[in-house]
Amino acid sequence: MKTILLFSTLLMLSILSAKMSVADSYKIVFETMDCSGNTGFATVGPDEIYKMGNGDCSNPEDPTKKLKQLLVHDGRGSYTVYTLTQEEAKNVMLDVKEYMKSRKGALDRAESVIISH
């Protein structure tokens, strides 16, 4: 009896840790652009994003539009700032909304467990 209880406990813990690692591994990838027009890519977890706001400069490719700034928690009590085009900012927000919708769906299902730190 103790062996069966131990086995089922270990099985449940391994399933929970697998679900945690899947949730933690989801990342949003986006293109960055600075005020000089230099581009790059960044990857962040959706739960790390704090907010999106207006940037300090115009898009060098389209001076009529301002760049956006994405503030991301850096894990040390401050933020990392990424600069994006308005179009890329919309894409990031769509990805975040889809992720949150998926998390809500998982919470609505009784058999799902989400553990966050």
PDB file of N, CA and C in Angstrom:
ATOM      1  N   MET A   1       0.828  -1.191   0.000  1.00  0.00           N
ATOM      2  CA  MET A   1       0.000   0.000   0.000  1.00  0.00           C
ATOM      3  C   MET A   1       0.872   1.254   0.000  1.00  0.00           C
ATOM      4  N   LYS A   2       1.930   1.246   0.840  1.00  0.00           N
ATOM      5  CA  LYS A   2       2.817   2.407   0.892  1.00  0.00           C
ATOM      6  C   LYS A   2       3.518   2.612  -0.450  1.00  0.00           C
ATOM      7  N   THR A   3       3.838   1.524  -1.139  1.00  0.00           N
ATOM      8  CA  THR A   3       4.511   1.617  -2.430  1.00  0.00           C
ATOM      9  C   THR A   3       3.599   2.269  -3.466  1.00  0.00           C
ATOM     10  N   ILE A   4       2.332   1.893  -3.462  1.00  0.00           N
ATOM     11  CA  ILE A   4       1.385   2.477  -4.404  1.00  0.00           C
ATOM     12  C   ILE A   4       1.188   3.962  -4.114  1.00  0.00           C
ATOM     13  N   LEU A   5       1.093   4.317  -2.849  1.00  0.00           N
ATOM     14  CA  LEU A   5       0.932   5.712  -2.464  1.00  0.00           C
ATOM     15  C   LEU A   5       2.167   6.532  -2.871  1.00  0.00           C
ATOM     16  N   LEU A   6       3.349   5.989  -2.638  1.00  0.00           N
ATOM     17  CA  LEU A   6       4.587   6.660  -3.004  1.00  0.00           C
ATOM     18  C   LEU A   6       4.674   6.828  -4.526  1.00  0.00           C
ATOM     19  N   PHE A   7       4.343   5.773  -5.255  1.00  0.00           N
ATOM     20  CA  PHE A   7       4.391   5.834  -6.713  1.00  0.00           C
ATOM     21  C   PHE A   7       3.416   6.880  -7.252  1.00  0.00           C
ATOM     22  N   SER A   8       2.191   6.906  -6.748  1.00  0.00           N
ATOM     23  CA  SER A   8       1.208   7.874  -7.247  1.00  0.00           C
ATOM     24  C   SER A   8       1.597   9.305  -6.873  1.00  0.00           C
ATOM     25  N   THR A   9       2.203   9.497  -5.721  1.00  0.00           N
ATOM     26  CA  THR A   9       2.675  10.826  -5.335  1.00  0.00           C
ATOM     27  C   THR A   9       3.792  11.292  -6.256  1.00  0.00           C
ATOM     28  N   LEU A  10       4.746  10.422  -6.537  1.00  0.00           N
ATOM     29  CA  LEU A  10       5.841  10.763  -7.445  1.00  0.00           C
ATOM     30  C   LEU A  10       5.326  11.041  -8.852  1.00  0.00           C
ATOM     31  N   LEU A  11       4.356  10.263  -9.298  1.00  0.00           N
ATOM     32  CA  LEU A  11       3.769  10.479 -10.613  1.00  0.00           C
ATOM     33  C   LEU A  11       3.092  11.843 -10.693  1.00  0.00           C
ATOM     34  N   MET A  12       2.345  12.194  -9.669  1.00  0.00           N
ATOM     35  CA  MET A  12       1.650  13.487  -9.641  1.00  0.00           C
ATOM     36  C   MET A  12       2.659  14.639  -9.623  1.00  0.00           C
ATOM     37  N   LEU A  13       3.718  14.509  -8.847  1.00  0.00           N
ATOM     38  CA  LEU A  13       4.738  15.553  -8.807  1.00  0.00           C
ATOM     39  C   LEU A  13       5.435  15.714 -10.153  1.00  0.00           C
ATOM     40  N   SER A  14       5.688  14.615 -10.835  1.00  0.00           N
ATOM     41  CA  SER A  14       6.340  14.723 -12.141  1.00  0.00           C
ATOM     42  C   SER A  14       5.411  15.373 -13.166  1.00  0.00           C
ATOM     43  N   ILE A  15       4.123  15.088 -13.099  1.00  0.00           N
ATOM     44  CA  ILE A  15       3.159  15.715 -14.008  1.00  0.00           C
ATOM     45  C   ILE A  15       3.072  17.213 -13.726  1.00  0.00           C
ATOM     46  N   LEU A  16       3.024  17.586 -12.458  1.00  0.00           N
ATOM     47  CA  LEU A  16       2.953  19.004 -12.105  1.00  0.00           C
ATOM     48  C   LEU A  16       4.213  19.742 -12.529  1.00  0.00           C
ATOM     49  N   SER A  17       5.375  19.134 -12.340  1.00  0.00           N
ATOM     50  CA  SER A  17       6.612  19.811 -12.741  1.00  0.00           C
ATOM     51  C   SER A  17       6.700  19.930 -14.257  1.00  0.00           C
ATOM     52  N   ALA A  18       6.171  18.949 -14.988  1.00  0.00           N
ATOM     53  CA  ALA A  18       6.151  19.035 -16.450  1.00  0.00           C
ATOM     54  C   ALA A  18       5.236  20.170 -16.896  1.00  0.00           C
ATOM     55  N   LYS A  19       4.082  20.316 -16.245  1.00  0.00           N
ATOM     56  CA  LYS A  19       3.172  21.412 -16.597  1.00  0.00           C
ATOM     57  C   LYS A  19       3.801  22.758 -16.265  1.00  0.00           C
ATOM     58  N   MET A  20       4.532  22.846 -15.144  1.00  0.00           N
ATOM     59  CA  MET A  20       5.197  24.094 -14.783  1.00  0.00           C
ATOM     60  C   MET A  20       6.253  24.462 -15.812  1.00  0.00           C
ATOM     61  N   SER A  21       7.027  23.495 -16.253  1.00  0.00           N
ATOM     62  CA  SER A  21       8.087  23.809 -17.205  1.00  0.00           C
ATOM     63  C   SER A  21       7.508  24.217 -18.552  1.00  0.00           C
ATOM     64  N   VAL A  22       6.389  23.666 -18.941  1.00  0.00           N
ATOM     65  CA  VAL A  22       5.749  24.078 -20.193  1.00  0.00           C
ATOM     66  C   VAL A  22       5.238  25.505 -20.072  1.00  0.00           C
ATOM     67  N   ALA A  23       4.602  25.843 -18.949  1.00  0.00           N
ATOM     68  CA  ALA A  23       4.081  27.195 -18.776  1.00  0.00           C
ATOM     69  C   ALA A  23       5.216  28.206 -18.705  1.00  0.00           C
ATOM     70  N   ASP A  24       6.308  27.851 -18.037  1.00  0.00           N
ATOM     71  CA  ASP A  24       7.430  28.755 -17.911  1.00  0.00           C
ATOM     72  C   ASP A  24       8.195  28.906 -19.215  1.00  0.00           C
ATOM     73  N   SER A  25       8.087  27.969 -20.116  1.00  0.00           N
ATOM     74  CA  SER A  25       8.885  28.025 -21.327  1.00  0.00           C
ATOM     75  C   SER A  25       8.221  28.845 -22.437  1.00  0.00           C
ATOM     76  N   TYR A  26       6.989  29.242 -22.281  1.00  0.00           N
ATOM     77  CA  TYR A  26       6.325  30.028 -23.318  1.00  0.00           C
ATOM     78  C   TYR A  26       6.967  31.407 -23.390  1.00  0.00           C
ATOM     79  N   LYS A  27       7.386  31.814 -24.557  1.00  0.00           N
ATOM     80  CA  LYS A  27       8.043  33.101 -24.757  1.00  0.00           C
ATOM     81  C   LYS A  27       7.424  33.833 -25.943  1.00  0.00           C
ATOM     82  N   ILE A  28       7.501  35.131 -25.898  1.00  0.00           N
ATOM     83  CA  ILE A  28       7.070  35.975 -27.001  1.00  0.00           C
ATOM     84  C   ILE A  28       8.328  36.526 -27.667  1.00  0.00           C
ATOM     85  N   VAL A  29       8.420  36.344 -28.962  1.00  0.00           N
ATOM     86  CA  VAL A  29       9.565  36.826 -29.736  1.00  0.00           C
ATOM     87  C   VAL A  29       9.092  38.012 -30.575  1.00  0.00           C
ATOM     88  N   PHE A  30       9.873  39.085 -30.583  1.00  0.00           N
ATOM     89  CA  PHE A  30       9.478  40.269 -31.331  1.00  0.00           C
ATOM     90  C   PHE A  30      10.708  40.992 -31.862  1.00  0.00           C
ATOM     91  N   GLU A  31      10.460  41.839 -32.867  1.00  0.00           N
ATOM     92  CA  GLU A  31      11.527  42.629 -33.472  1.00  0.00           C
ATOM     93  C   GLU A  31      11.626  43.977 -32.760  1.00  0.00           C
ATOM     94  N   THR A  32      12.829  44.375 -32.442  1.00  0.00           N
ATOM     95  CA  THR A  32      13.065  45.667 -31.815  1.00  0.00           C
ATOM     96  C   THR A  32      13.618  46.642 -32.846  1.00  0.00           C
ATOM     97  N   MET A  33      13.457  47.938 -32.570  1.00  0.00           N
ATOM     98  CA  MET A  33      14.036  48.974 -33.436  1.00  0.00           C
ATOM     99  C   MET A  33      14.401  50.161 -32.554  1.00  0.00           C
ATOM    100  N   ASP A  34      15.617  50.663 -32.691  1.00  0.00           N
ATOM    101  CA  ASP A  34      15.987  51.839 -31.917  1.00  0.00           C
ATOM    102  C   ASP A  34      15.748  53.108 -32.729  1.00  0.00           C
ATOM    103  N   CYS A  35      16.024  54.257 -32.143  1.00  0.00           N
ATOM    104  CA  CYS A  35      15.748  55.542 -32.782  1.00  0.00           C
ATOM    105  C   CYS A  35      16.579  55.773 -34.035  1.00  0.00           C
ATOM    106  N   SER A  36      17.680  55.029 -34.182  1.00  0.00           N
ATOM    107  CA  SER A  36      18.531  55.159 -35.373  1.00  0.00           C
ATOM    108  C   SER A  36      18.092  54.243 -36.500  1.00  0.00           C
ATOM    109  N   GLY A  37      17.139  53.358 -36.230  1.00  0.00           N
ATOM    110  CA  GLY A  37      16.661  52.424 -37.246  1.00  0.00           C
ATOM    111  C   GLY A  37      17.303  51.054 -37.164  1.00  0.00           C
ATOM    112  N   ASN A  38      18.217  50.846 -36.187  1.00  0.00           N
ATOM    113  CA  ASN A  38      18.818  49.527 -36.008  1.00  0.00           C
ATOM    114  C   ASN A  38      17.778  48.553 -35.466  1.00  0.00           C
ATOM    115  N   THR A  39      17.768  47.349 -36.003  1.00  0.00           N
ATOM    116  CA  THR A  39      16.775  46.361 -35.599  1.00  0.00           C
ATOM    117  C   THR A  39      17.452  45.161 -34.950  1.00  0.00           C
ATOM    118  N   GLY A  40      16.656  44.400 -34.232  1.00  0.00           N
ATOM    119  CA  GLY A  40      17.118  43.185 -33.580  1.00  0.00           C
ATOM    120  C   GLY A  40      15.907  42.384 -33.141  1.00  0.00           C
ATOM    121  N   PHE A  41      16.165  41.340 -32.355  1.00  0.00           N
ATOM    122  CA  PHE A  41      15.078  40.520 -31.831  1.00  0.00           C
ATOM    123  C   PHE A  41      15.236  40.379 -30.327  1.00  0.00           C
ATOM    124  N   ALA A  42      14.126  40.193 -29.649  1.00  0.00           N
ATOM    125  CA  ALA A  42      14.131  39.956 -28.210  1.00  0.00           C
ATOM    126  C   ALA A  42      13.111  38.869 -27.902  1.00  0.00           C
ATOM    127  N   THR A  43      13.329  38.210 -26.782  1.00  0.00           N
ATOM    128  CA  THR A  43      12.437  37.148 -26.316  1.00  0.00           C
ATOM    129  C   THR A  43      12.139  37.397 -24.843  1.00  0.00           C
ATOM    130  N   VAL A  44      10.858  37.434 -24.497  1.00  0.00           N
ATOM    131  CA  VAL A  44      10.454  37.638 -23.107  1.00  0.00           C
ATOM    132  C   VAL A  44       9.281  36.720 -22.773  1.00  0.00           C
ATOM    133  N   GLY A  45       9.135  36.426 -21.500  1.00  0.00           N
ATOM    134  CA  GLY A  45       7.965  35.693 -21.031  1.00  0.00           C
ATOM    135  C   GLY A  45       6.792  36.653 -20.896  1.00  0.00           C
ATOM    136  N   PRO A  46       5.602  36.236 -21.256  1.00  0.00           N
ATOM    137  CA  PRO A  46       4.450  37.148 -21.192  1.00  0.00           C
ATOM    138  C   PRO A  46       4.144  37.644 -19.782  1.00  0.00           C
ATOM    139  N   ASP A  47       4.471  36.859 -18.770  1.00  0.00           N
ATOM    140  CA  ASP A  47       4.211  37.286 -17.397  1.00  0.00           C
ATOM    141  C   ASP A  47       5.235  38.308 -16.908  1.00  0.00           C
ATOM    142  N   GLU A  48       6.317  38.483 -17.650  1.00  0.00           N
ATOM    143  CA  GLU A  48       7.352  39.446 -17.272  1.00  0.00           C
ATOM    144  C   GLU A  48       7.035  40.856 -17.788  1.00  0.00           C
ATOM    145  N   ILE A  49       6.103  40.972 -18.730  1.00  0.00           N
ATOM    146  CA  ILE A  49       5.787  42.267 -19.325  1.00  0.00           C
ATOM    147  C   ILE A  49       5.013  43.123 -18.331  1.00  0.00           C
ATOM    148  N   TYR A  50       5.490  44.351 -18.133  1.00  0.00           N
ATOM    149  CA  TYR A  50       4.825  45.275 -17.217  1.00  0.00           C
ATOM    150  C   TYR A  50       3.839  46.170 -17.967  1.00  0.00           C
ATOM    151  N   LYS A  51       4.327  46.895 -18.980  1.00  0.00           N
ATOM    152  CA  LYS A  51       3.408  47.741 -19.744  1.00  0.00           C
ATOM    153  C   LYS A  51       4.055  48.209 -21.038  1.00  0.00           C
ATOM    154  N   MET A  52       3.209  48.732 -21.899  1.00  0.00           N
ATOM    155  CA  MET A  52       3.617  49.290 -23.184  1.00  0.00           C
ATOM    156  C   MET A  52       3.277  50.777 -23.150  1.00  0.00           C
ATOM    157  N   GLY A  53       4.194  51.603 -23.642  1.00  0.00           N
ATOM    158  CA  GLY A  53       3.952  53.047 -23.661  1.00  0.00           C
ATOM    159  C   GLY A  53       4.566  53.682 -24.899  1.00  0.00           C
ATOM    160  N   ASN A  54       4.386  54.984 -25.016  1.00  0.00           N
ATOM    161  CA  ASN A  54       4.967  55.714 -26.139  1.00  0.00           C
ATOM    162  C   ASN A  54       6.461  55.885 -25.943  1.00  0.00           C
ATOM    163  N   GLY A  55       7.192  55.773 -27.036  1.00  0.00           N
ATOM    164  CA  GLY A  55       8.634  55.966 -27.003  1.00  0.00           C
ATOM    165  C   GLY A  55       9.008  57.431 -27.092  1.00  0.00           C
ATOM    166  N   ASP A  56      10.321  57.696 -27.086  1.00  0.00           N
ATOM    167  CA  ASP A  56      10.825  59.060 -27.098  1.00  0.00           C
ATOM    168  C   ASP A  56      11.136  59.588 -28.496  1.00  0.00           C
ATOM    169  N   CYS A  57      11.085  58.722 -29.502  1.00  0.00           N
ATOM    170  CA  CYS A  57      11.485  59.166 -30.841  1.00  0.00           C
ATOM    171  C   CYS A  57      10.535  58.598 -31.894  1.00  0.00           C
ATOM    172  N   SER A  58      10.671  59.122 -33.100  1.00  0.00           N
ATOM    173  CA  SER A  58       9.853  58.674 -34.223  1.00  0.00           C
ATOM    174  C   SER A  58      10.506  57.486 -34.906  1.00  0.00           C
ATOM    175  N   ASN A  59       9.683  56.716 -35.584  1.00  0.00           N
ATOM    176  CA  ASN A  59      10.166  55.588 -36.370  1.00  0.00           C
ATOM    177  C   ASN A  59      10.969  56.141 -37.555  1.00  0.00           C
ATOM    178  N   PRO A  60      12.258  55.772 -37.683  1.00  0.00           N
ATOM    179  CA  PRO A  60      13.054  56.284 -38.798  1.00  0.00           C
ATOM    180  C   PRO A  60      12.504  55.880 -40.171  1.00  0.00           C
ATOM    181  N   GLU A  61      11.772  54.779 -40.245  1.00  0.00           N
ATOM    182  CA  GLU A  61      11.190  54.331 -41.515  1.00  0.00           C
ATOM    183  C   GLU A  61       9.889  55.062 -41.842  1.00  0.00           C
ATOM    184  N   ASP A  62       9.223  55.591 -40.818  1.00  0.00           N
ATOM    185  CA  ASP A  62       7.969  56.333 -41.001  1.00  0.00           C
ATOM    186  C   ASP A  62       7.909  57.429 -39.925  1.00  0.00           C
ATOM    187  N   PRO A  63       8.523  58.597 -40.196  1.00  0.00           N
ATOM    188  CA  PRO A  63       8.625  59.656 -39.183  1.00  0.00           C
ATOM    189  C   PRO A  63       7.290  60.169 -38.644  1.00  0.00           C
ATOM    190  N   THR A  64       6.169  59.826 -39.270  1.00  0.00           N
ATOM    191  CA  THR A  64       4.872  60.271 -38.761  1.00  0.00           C
ATOM    192  C   THR A  64       4.411  59.430 -37.571  1.00  0.00           C
ATOM    193  N   LYS A  65       5.073  58.294 -37.340  1.00  0.00           N
ATOM    194  CA  LYS A  65       4.687  57.401 -36.234  1.00  0.00           C
ATOM    195  C   LYS A  65       5.802  57.339 -35.201  1.00  0.00           C
ATOM    196  N   LYS A  66       5.403  57.390 -33.929  1.00  0.00           N
ATOM    197  CA  LYS A  66       6.367  57.262 -32.845  1.00  0.00           C
ATOM    198  C   LYS A  66       6.624  55.780 -32.554  1.00  0.00           C
ATOM    199  N   LEU A  67       7.821  55.491 -32.063  1.00  0.00           N
ATOM    200  CA  LEU A  67       8.120  54.133 -31.617  1.00  0.00           C
ATOM    201  C   LEU A  67       7.454  53.903 -30.264  1.00  0.00           C
ATOM    202  N   LYS A  68       7.246  52.657 -29.909  1.00  0.00           N
ATOM    203  CA  LYS A  68       6.669  52.272 -28.624  1.00  0.00           C
ATOM    204  C   LYS A  68       7.761  51.703 -27.731  1.00  0.00           C
ATOM    205  N   GLN A  69       7.549  51.774 -26.420  1.00  0.00           N
ATOM    206  CA  GLN A  69       8.471  51.172 -25.464  1.00  0.00           C
ATOM    207  C   GLN A  69       7.749  50.092 -24.679  1.00  0.00           C
ATOM    208  N   LEU A  70       8.401  48.942 -24.563  1.00  0.00           N
ATOM    209  CA  LEU A  70       7.885  47.815 -23.802  1.00  0.00           C
ATOM    210  C   LEU A  70       8.723  47.687 -22.544  1.00  0.00           C
ATOM    211  N   LEU A  71       8.098  47.783 -21.377  1.00  0.00           N
ATOM    212  CA  LEU A  71       8.800  47.623 -20.112  1.00  0.00           C
ATOM    213  C   LEU A  71       8.615  46.193 -19.620  1.00  0.00           C
ATOM    214  N   VAL A  72       9.739  45.542 -19.317  1.00  0.00           N
ATOM    215  CA  VAL A  72       9.739  44.148 -18.908  1.00  0.00           C
ATOM    216  C   VAL A  72      10.464  44.028 -17.571  1.00  0.00           C
ATOM    217  N   HIS A  73       9.834  43.359 -16.591  1.00  0.00           N
ATOM    218  CA  HIS A  73      10.486  43.108 -15.301  1.00  0.00           C
ATOM    219  C   HIS A  73      11.787  42.355 -15.542  1.00  0.00           C
ATOM    220  N   ASP A  74      12.871  42.805 -14.914  1.00  0.00           N
ATOM    221  CA  ASP A  74      14.147  42.118 -15.113  1.00  0.00           C
ATOM    222  C   ASP A  74      14.477  41.131 -14.003  1.00  0.00           C
ATOM    223  N   GLY A  75      13.618  40.995 -13.001  1.00  0.00           N
ATOM    224  CA  GLY A  75      13.839  40.044 -11.924  1.00  0.00           C
ATOM    225  C   GLY A  75      14.694  40.598 -10.787  1.00  0.00           C
ATOM    226  N   ARG A  76      15.173  41.840 -10.918  1.00  0.00           N
ATOM    227  CA  ARG A  76      15.998  42.452  -9.877  1.00  0.00           C
ATOM    228  C   ARG A  76      15.363  43.726  -9.326  1.00  0.00           C
ATOM    229  N   GLY A  77      14.084  43.913  -9.584  1.00  0.00           N
ATOM    230  CA  GLY A  77      13.390  45.075  -9.066  1.00  0.00           C
ATOM    231  C   GLY A  77      13.340  46.269 -10.002  1.00  0.00           C
ATOM    232  N   SER A  78      13.831  46.123 -11.209  1.00  0.00           N
ATOM    233  CA  SER A  78      13.727  47.208 -12.183  1.00  0.00           C
ATOM    234  C   SER A  78      13.253  46.633 -13.517  1.00  0.00           C
ATOM    235  N   TYR A  79      13.389  47.418 -14.580  1.00  0.00           N
ATOM    236  CA  TYR A  79      12.825  47.026 -15.864  1.00  0.00           C
ATOM    237  C   TYR A  79      13.862  47.095 -16.977  1.00  0.00           C
ATOM    238  N   THR A  80      13.665  46.268 -17.990  1.00  0.00           N
ATOM    239  CA  THR A  80      14.389  46.355 -19.239  1.00  0.00           C
ATOM    240  C   THR A  80      13.437  47.011 -20.227  1.00  0.00           C
ATOM    241  N   VAL A  81      13.941  47.970 -21.006  1.00  0.00           N
ATOM    242  CA  VAL A  81      13.110  48.697 -21.957  1.00  0.00           C
ATOM    243  C   VAL A  81      13.464  48.251 -23.369  1.00  0.00           C
ATOM    244  N   TYR A  82      12.451  47.852 -24.122  1.00  0.00           N
ATOM    245  CA  TYR A  82      12.608  47.499 -25.533  1.00  0.00           C
ATOM    246  C   TYR A  82      11.832  48.510 -26.354  1.00  0.00           C
ATOM    247  N   THR A  83      12.406  48.936 -27.465  1.00  0.00           N
ATOM    248  CA  THR A  83      11.749  49.885 -28.357  1.00  0.00           C
ATOM    249  C   THR A  83      11.248  49.131 -29.586  1.00  0.00           C
ATOM    250  N   LEU A  84       9.977  49.364 -29.945  1.00  0.00           N
ATOM    251  CA  LEU A  84       9.330  48.637 -31.029  1.00  0.00           C
ATOM    252  C   LEU A  84       8.577  49.589 -31.946  1.00  0.00           C
ATOM    253  N   THR A  85       8.323  49.125 -33.156  1.00  0.00           N
ATOM    254  CA  THR A  85       7.424  49.870 -34.032  1.00  0.00           C
ATOM    255  C   THR A  85       5.999  49.693 -33.516  1.00  0.00           C
ATOM    256  N   GLN A  86       5.113  50.544 -33.958  1.00  0.00           N
ATOM    257  CA  GLN A  86       3.712  50.433 -33.529  1.00  0.00           C
ATOM    258  C   GLN A  86       3.102  49.111 -33.981  1.00  0.00           C
ATOM    259  N   GLU A  87       3.461  48.666 -35.181  1.00  0.00           N
ATOM    260  CA  GLU A  87       2.921  47.402 -35.686  1.00  0.00           C
ATOM    261  C   GLU A  87       3.401  46.224 -34.835  1.00  0.00           C
ATOM    262  N   GLU A  88       4.684  46.243 -34.487  1.00  0.00           N
ATOM    263  CA  GLU A  88       5.224  45.147 -33.677  1.00  0.00           C
ATOM    264  C   GLU A  88       4.643  45.181 -32.266  1.00  0.00           C
ATOM    265  N   ALA A  89       4.392  46.374 -31.738  1.00  0.00           N
ATOM    266  CA  ALA A  89       3.763  46.500 -30.424  1.00  0.00           C
ATOM    267  C   ALA A  89       2.370  45.869 -30.432  1.00  0.00           C
ATOM    268  N   LYS A  90       1.622  46.070 -31.511  1.00  0.00           N
ATOM    269  CA  LYS A  90       0.295  45.443 -31.633  1.00  0.00           C
ATOM    270  C   LYS A  90       0.434  43.920 -31.659  1.00  0.00           C
ATOM    271  N   ASN A  91       1.431  43.414 -32.377  1.00  0.00           N
ATOM    272  CA  ASN A  91       1.644  41.962 -32.436  1.00  0.00           C
ATOM    273  C   ASN A  91       1.978  41.385 -31.063  1.00  0.00           C
ATOM    274  N   VAL A  92       2.807  42.099 -30.304  1.00  0.00           N
ATOM    275  CA  VAL A  92       3.157  41.638 -28.956  1.00  0.00           C
ATOM    276  C   VAL A  92       1.909  41.593 -28.085  1.00  0.00           C
ATOM    277  N   MET A  93       1.095  42.621 -28.148  1.00  0.00           N
ATOM    278  CA  MET A  93      -0.112  42.645 -27.323  1.00  0.00           C
ATOM    279  C   MET A  93      -1.092  41.544 -27.730  1.00  0.00           C
ATOM    280  N   LEU A  94      -1.175  41.246 -29.014  1.00  0.00           N
ATOM    281  CA  LEU A  94      -2.019  40.130 -29.452  1.00  0.00           C
ATOM    282  C   LEU A  94      -1.501  38.798 -28.892  1.00  0.00           C
ATOM    283  N   ASP A  95      -0.175  38.619 -28.917  1.00  0.00           N
ATOM    284  CA  ASP A  95       0.411  37.396 -28.348  1.00  0.00           C
ATOM    285  C   ASP A  95       0.113  37.276 -26.863  1.00  0.00           C
ATOM    286  N   VAL A  96       0.213  38.389 -26.141  1.00  0.00           N
ATOM    287  CA  VAL A  96      -0.073  38.378 -24.696  1.00  0.00           C
ATOM    288  C   VAL A  96      -1.540  38.037 -24.460  1.00  0.00           C
ATOM    289  N   LYS A  97      -2.432  38.627 -25.234  1.00  0.00           N
ATOM    290  CA  LYS A  97      -3.864  38.342 -25.076  1.00  0.00           C
ATOM    291  C   LYS A  97      -4.175  36.877 -25.368  1.00  0.00           C
ATOM    292  N   GLU A  98      -3.565  36.310 -26.400  1.00  0.00           N
ATOM    293  CA  GLU A  98      -3.770  34.891 -26.714  1.00  0.00           C
ATOM    294  C   GLU A  98      -3.248  34.003 -25.588  1.00  0.00           C
ATOM    295  N   TYR A  99      -2.091  34.355 -25.046  1.00  0.00           N
ATOM    296  CA  TYR A  99      -1.521  33.585 -23.935  1.00  0.00           C
ATOM    297  C   TYR A  99      -2.442  33.628 -22.720  1.00  0.00           C
ATOM    298  N   MET A 100      -2.932  34.820 -22.383  1.00  0.00           N
ATOM    299  CA  MET A 100      -3.817  34.950 -21.217  1.00  0.00           C
ATOM    300  C   MET A 100      -5.139  34.216 -21.434  1.00  0.00           C
ATOM    301  N   LYS A 101      -5.630  34.227 -22.660  1.00  0.00           N
ATOM    302  CA  LYS A 101      -6.855  33.486 -22.977  1.00  0.00           C
ATOM    303  C   LYS A 101      -6.623  31.983 -22.782  1.00  0.00           C
ATOM    304  N   SER A 102      -5.467  31.507 -23.193  1.00  0.00           N
ATOM    305  CA  SER A 102      -5.130  30.090 -23.008  1.00  0.00           C
ATOM    306  C   SER A 102      -5.012  29.748 -21.533  1.00  0.00           C
ATOM    307  N   ARG A 103      -4.379  30.628 -20.759  1.00  0.00           N
ATOM    308  CA  ARG A 103      -4.263  30.393 -19.305  1.00  0.00           C
ATOM    309  C   ARG A 103      -5.634  30.366 -18.652  1.00  0.00           C
ATOM    310  N   LYS A 104      -6.516  31.281 -19.070  1.00  0.00           N
ATOM    311  CA  LYS A 104      -7.871  31.307 -18.511  1.00  0.00           C
ATOM    312  C   LYS A 104      -8.592  30.007 -18.840  1.00  0.00           C
ATOM    313  N   GLY A 105      -8.422  29.530 -20.077  1.00  0.00           N
ATOM    314  CA  GLY A 105      -9.035  28.263 -20.461  1.00  0.00           C
ATOM    315  C   GLY A 105      -8.532  27.108 -19.616  1.00  0.00           C
ATOM    316  N   ALA A 106      -7.234  27.122 -19.309  1.00  0.00           N
ATOM    317  CA  ALA A 106      -6.669  26.077 -18.459  1.00  0.00           C
ATOM    318  C   ALA A 106      -7.228  26.154 -17.041  1.00  0.00           C
ATOM    319  N   LEU A 107      -7.426  27.378 -16.538  1.00  0.00           N
ATOM    320  CA  LEU A 107      -8.007  27.532 -15.198  1.00  0.00           C
ATOM    321  C   LEU A 107      -9.460  27.091 -15.159  1.00  0.00           C
ATOM    322  N   ASP A 108     -10.172  27.299 -16.265  1.00  0.00           N
ATOM    323  CA  ASP A 108     -11.585  26.921 -16.318  1.00  0.00           C
ATOM    324  C   ASP A 108     -11.776  25.405 -16.332  1.00  0.00           C
ATOM    325  N   ARG A 109     -10.755  24.687 -16.825  1.00  0.00           N
ATOM    326  CA  ARG A 109     -10.847  23.224 -16.833  1.00  0.00           C
ATOM    327  C   ARG A 109     -10.443  22.693 -15.467  1.00  0.00           C
ATOM    328  N   ALA A 110     -11.279  21.898 -14.872  1.00  0.00           N
ATOM    329  CA  ALA A 110     -11.063  21.429 -13.489  1.00  0.00           C
ATOM    330  C   ALA A 110      -9.807  20.614 -13.325  1.00  0.00           C
ATOM    331  N   GLU A 111      -9.360  19.883 -14.347  1.00  0.00           N
ATOM    332  CA  GLU A 111      -8.204  19.003 -14.193  1.00  0.00           C
ATOM    333  C   GLU A 111      -6.882  19.737 -14.326  1.00  0.00           C
ATOM    334  N   SER A 112      -6.903  21.040 -14.655  1.00  0.00           N
ATOM    335  CA  SER A 112      -5.663  21.787 -14.857  1.00  0.00           C
ATOM    336  C   SER A 112      -5.212  22.456 -13.571  1.00  0.00           C
ATOM    337  N   VAL A 113      -3.899  22.541 -13.412  1.00  0.00           N
ATOM    338  CA  VAL A 113      -3.294  23.214 -12.278  1.00  0.00           C
ATOM    339  C   VAL A 113      -2.211  24.136 -12.812  1.00  0.00           C
ATOM    340  N   ILE A 114      -2.249  25.413 -12.432  1.00  0.00           N
ATOM    341  CA  ILE A 114      -1.204  26.361 -12.823  1.00  0.00           C
ATOM    342  C   ILE A 114      -0.514  26.809 -11.556  1.00  0.00           C
ATOM    343  N   ILE A 115       0.792  26.657 -11.536  1.00  0.00           N
ATOM    344  CA  ILE A 115       1.594  27.072 -10.401  1.00  0.00           C
ATOM    345  C   ILE A 115       2.545  28.157 -10.891  1.00  0.00           C
ATOM    346  N   SER A 116       2.504  29.318 -10.268  1.00  0.00           N
ATOM    347  CA  SER A 116       3.420  30.389 -10.644  1.00  0.00           C
ATOM    348  C   SER A 116       4.204  30.795  -9.416  1.00  0.00           C
ATOM    349  N   HIS A 117       5.373  31.321  -9.657  1.00  0.00           N
ATOM    350  CA  HIS A 117       6.251  31.675  -8.525  1.00  0.00           C
ATOM    351  C   HIS A 117       6.003  33.098  -8.116  1.00  0.00           C
TER     352      HIS A 117
END
